[in-house]
Amino acid sequence: MENAQGYKINRYFFLAIIILLGLLLLLSLMEFFTAFLGALMFYVLCKKNMERLIKRK
């Protein structure tokens, strides 16, 4: 019984560490968020033109 409870505690401990590291990574990359949105916007706006330029007629 103690082994199963230790397994649960260990699992939740590592889950908390993974979530904490994910939040730290998110906060670190927050300054690049606007650049990512700009690149996504240019991709959406230019997608049809690029497909037309690449396609052979």
Protein backbone atom coordinates (compact mmCIF):
# COMPACT_ATOMS: atom_id res chain seq x y z
CA MET A 1 0.00 0.00 0.00
CA GLU A 2 2.81 2.41 0.83
CA ASN A 3 4.48 1.72 -2.50
CA ALA A 4 1.36 2.76 -4.47
CA GLN A 5 1.06 5.97 -2.46
CA GLY A 6 4.75 6.73 -2.97
CA TYR A 7 4.27 6.19 -6.69
CA LYS A 8 1.41 8.73 -6.74
CA ILE A 9 3.45 11.31 -4.85
CA ASN A 10 6.41 10.75 -7.16
CA ARG A 11 4.18 11.08 -10.25
CA TYR A 12 2.61 14.34 -9.04
CA PHE A 13 6.02 15.72 -8.08
CA PHE A 14 7.42 15.16 -11.57
CA LEU A 15 4.23 16.53 -13.14
CA ALA A 16 4.61 19.70 -11.08
CA ILE A 17 8.25 20.04 -12.18
CA ILE A 18 7.27 19.64 -15.86
CA ILE A 19 4.50 22.25 -15.53
CA LEU A 20 6.87 24.63 -13.73
CA LEU A 21 9.50 24.27 -16.46
CA GLY A 22 6.83 24.80 -19.14
CA LEU A 23 5.70 28.02 -17.48
CA LEU A 24 9.29 29.18 -17.18
CA LEU A 25 9.84 28.49 -20.88
CA LEU A 26 6.62 30.32 -21.77
CA LEU A 27 7.63 33.38 -19.77
CA SER A 28 11.10 33.35 -21.32
CA LEU A 29 9.73 33.27 -24.87
CA MET A 30 6.99 35.86 -24.27
CA GLU A 31 9.05 38.64 -25.90
CA PHE A 32 9.07 36.70 -29.20
CA PHE A 33 5.27 36.34 -29.23
CA THR A 34 4.65 39.42 -31.39
CA ALA A 35 7.29 38.31 -33.91
CA PHE A 36 5.64 34.89 -34.14
CA LEU A 37 2.23 36.47 -34.74
CA GLY A 38 3.72 38.73 -37.43
CA ALA A 39 5.31 35.78 -39.21
CA LEU A 40 2.03 33.87 -39.03
CA MET A 41 0.18 36.85 -40.48
CA PHE A 42 2.63 37.14 -43.40
CA TYR A 43 2.32 33.41 -44.04
CA VAL A 44 -1.47 33.59 -44.22
CA LEU A 45 -1.43 36.67 -46.45
CA CYS A 46 1.19 35.35 -48.89
CA LYS A 47 0.24 31.67 -49.03
CA LYS A 48 -1.89 31.84 -52.18
CA ASN A 49 0.63 34.01 -54.02
CA MET A 50 3.47 31.63 -53.16
CA GLU A 51 1.46 28.63 -54.34
CA ARG A 52 0.72 30.44 -57.59
CA LEU A 53 4.40 31.31 -58.08
CA ILE A 54 5.56 27.77 -57.35
CA LYS A 55 2.95 26.02 -59.50
CA ARG A 56 4.05 25.42 -63.08
CA LYS A 57 1.66 26.38 -65.79
